[in-house]
Amino acid sequence: MATMTLRGVDDTMAKMLKELAAKEGMSMNAFILKALREALKLGKKTEWR
C-alpha cells in the first residue's frame, strides 16, 4: 500500500475536509480515501481488494 503526501491544500479546503470528516465520525484520512474511491468509482473496499 502506498503512502502519499498531498500538497497545495489551502486553509479553506483543509477546514472543510476536517469538518466533513468529523460530521461523518471519520478521521480525515479515512474520509479522504472514501472521497477518492467514490470519485474514481471504485466502489466498496471489498470490491477493489
N, C-alpha and C. Protein backbone atom coordinates (compact mmCIF):
# COMPACT_ATOMS: atom_id res chain seq x y z
N MET A 1 0.84 -1.17 0.00
CA MET A 1 0.00 0.00 0.00
C MET A 1 0.89 1.24 0.00
N ALA A 2 0.58 2.18 -0.84
CA ALA A 2 1.39 3.39 -0.99
C ALA A 2 1.03 4.44 0.07
N THR A 3 2.00 5.26 0.37
CA THR A 3 1.80 6.43 1.21
C THR A 3 1.98 7.65 0.33
N MET A 4 1.07 8.61 0.43
CA MET A 4 1.13 9.79 -0.42
C MET A 4 1.07 11.05 0.43
N THR A 5 1.65 12.11 -0.09
CA THR A 5 1.56 13.44 0.51
C THR A 5 0.83 14.33 -0.47
N LEU A 6 -0.17 15.04 0.02
CA LEU A 6 -0.94 15.94 -0.82
C LEU A 6 -0.52 17.37 -0.50
N ARG A 7 -0.02 18.06 -1.52
CA ARG A 7 0.44 19.44 -1.33
C ARG A 7 -0.55 20.40 -1.96
N GLY A 8 -0.50 21.63 -1.51
CA GLY A 8 -1.32 22.67 -2.11
C GLY A 8 -2.74 22.72 -1.57
N VAL A 9 -3.00 22.10 -0.44
CA VAL A 9 -4.32 22.16 0.17
C VAL A 9 -4.41 23.48 0.93
N ASP A 10 -5.31 24.35 0.46
CA ASP A 10 -5.41 25.65 1.14
C ASP A 10 -6.18 25.51 2.45
N ASP A 11 -6.13 26.55 3.26
CA ASP A 11 -6.74 26.51 4.59
C ASP A 11 -8.24 26.25 4.54
N THR A 12 -8.92 26.83 3.57
CA THR A 12 -10.37 26.64 3.45
C THR A 12 -10.70 25.19 3.16
N MET A 13 -9.98 24.59 2.22
CA MET A 13 -10.22 23.19 1.87
C MET A 13 -9.91 22.29 3.06
N ALA A 14 -8.81 22.54 3.75
CA ALA A 14 -8.43 21.72 4.90
C ALA A 14 -9.50 21.80 5.99
N LYS A 15 -10.02 22.99 6.22
CA LYS A 15 -11.06 23.18 7.24
C LYS A 15 -12.32 22.43 6.84
N MET A 16 -12.71 22.53 5.57
CA MET A 16 -13.91 21.84 5.10
C MET A 16 -13.76 20.33 5.22
N LEU A 17 -12.59 19.81 4.83
CA LEU A 17 -12.36 18.37 4.93
C LEU A 17 -12.42 17.90 6.38
N LYS A 18 -11.82 18.68 7.27
CA LYS A 18 -11.83 18.33 8.68
C LYS A 18 -13.25 18.32 9.23
N GLU A 19 -14.04 19.34 8.88
CA GLU A 19 -15.41 19.43 9.35
C GLU A 19 -16.28 18.30 8.80
N LEU A 20 -16.14 17.99 7.51
CA LEU A 20 -16.91 16.92 6.90
C LEU A 20 -16.55 15.56 7.49
N ALA A 21 -15.26 15.35 7.72
CA ALA A 21 -14.82 14.08 8.33
C ALA A 21 -15.42 13.94 9.73
N ALA A 22 -15.37 15.01 10.51
CA ALA A 22 -15.92 14.97 11.87
C ALA A 22 -17.42 14.71 11.84
N LYS A 23 -18.11 15.33 10.90
CA LYS A 23 -19.56 15.15 10.77
C LYS A 23 -19.90 13.69 10.46
N GLU A 24 -19.03 13.02 9.70
CA GLU A 24 -19.22 11.60 9.37
C GLU A 24 -18.66 10.67 10.45
N GLY A 25 -18.01 11.25 11.46
CA GLY A 25 -17.41 10.43 12.51
C GLY A 25 -16.20 9.66 12.04
N MET A 26 -15.46 10.26 11.09
CA MET A 26 -14.31 9.59 10.48
C MET A 26 -13.05 10.43 10.67
N SER A 27 -11.91 9.77 10.57
CA SER A 27 -10.66 10.52 10.53
C SER A 27 -10.58 11.21 9.17
N MET A 28 -9.74 12.23 9.07
CA MET A 28 -9.57 12.89 7.78
C MET A 28 -9.02 11.92 6.75
N ASN A 29 -8.10 11.07 7.15
CA ASN A 29 -7.52 10.10 6.23
C ASN A 29 -8.61 9.18 5.67
N ALA A 30 -9.43 8.61 6.55
CA ALA A 30 -10.50 7.71 6.11
C ALA A 30 -11.50 8.44 5.22
N PHE A 31 -11.82 9.68 5.58
CA PHE A 31 -12.78 10.46 4.79
C PHE A 31 -12.24 10.75 3.39
N ILE A 32 -10.97 11.15 3.31
CA ILE A 32 -10.37 11.47 2.01
C ILE A 32 -10.26 10.21 1.15
N LEU A 33 -9.88 9.08 1.75
CA LEU A 33 -9.83 7.82 1.00
C LEU A 33 -11.21 7.46 0.46
N LYS A 34 -12.24 7.63 1.28
CA LYS A 34 -13.61 7.35 0.84
C LYS A 34 -14.00 8.27 -0.32
N ALA A 35 -13.67 9.55 -0.20
CA ALA A 35 -14.00 10.51 -1.26
C ALA A 35 -13.27 10.16 -2.56
N LEU A 36 -12.02 9.76 -2.45
CA LEU A 36 -11.26 9.38 -3.65
C LEU A 36 -11.84 8.13 -4.29
N ARG A 37 -12.19 7.13 -3.48
CA ARG A 37 -12.79 5.90 -4.02
C ARG A 37 -14.09 6.22 -4.76
N GLU A 38 -14.91 7.10 -4.15
CA GLU A 38 -16.18 7.48 -4.79
C GLU A 38 -15.92 8.24 -6.09
N ALA A 39 -14.97 9.17 -6.08
CA ALA A 39 -14.67 9.95 -7.28
C ALA A 39 -14.12 9.07 -8.40
N LEU A 40 -13.38 8.04 -8.03
CA LEU A 40 -12.80 7.13 -9.02
C LEU A 40 -13.72 5.95 -9.34
N LYS A 41 -14.90 5.97 -8.72
CA LYS A 41 -15.90 4.92 -8.92
C LYS A 41 -15.32 3.52 -8.65
N LEU A 42 -14.61 3.42 -7.54
CA LEU A 42 -14.00 2.14 -7.17
C LEU A 42 -14.92 1.27 -6.34
N GLY A 43 -16.03 1.81 -5.90
CA GLY A 43 -16.98 1.01 -5.13
C GLY A 43 -16.49 0.73 -3.73
N LYS A 44 -17.05 -0.32 -3.14
CA LYS A 44 -16.72 -0.68 -1.77
C LYS A 44 -15.32 -1.28 -1.69
N LYS A 45 -14.75 -1.18 -0.51
CA LYS A 45 -13.38 -1.66 -0.29
C LYS A 45 -13.24 -3.14 -0.67
N THR A 46 -14.24 -3.93 -0.40
CA THR A 46 -14.15 -5.36 -0.70
C THR A 46 -14.08 -5.62 -2.20
N GLU A 47 -14.57 -4.68 -3.01
CA GLU A 47 -14.58 -4.85 -4.46
C GLU A 47 -13.23 -4.59 -5.10
N TRP A 48 -12.37 -3.78 -4.48
CA TRP A 48 -11.10 -3.43 -5.10
C TRP A 48 -9.91 -4.10 -4.47
N ARG A 49 -10.13 -4.90 -3.49
CA ARG A 49 -9.01 -5.63 -2.87
C ARG A 49 -8.73 -6.88 -3.60
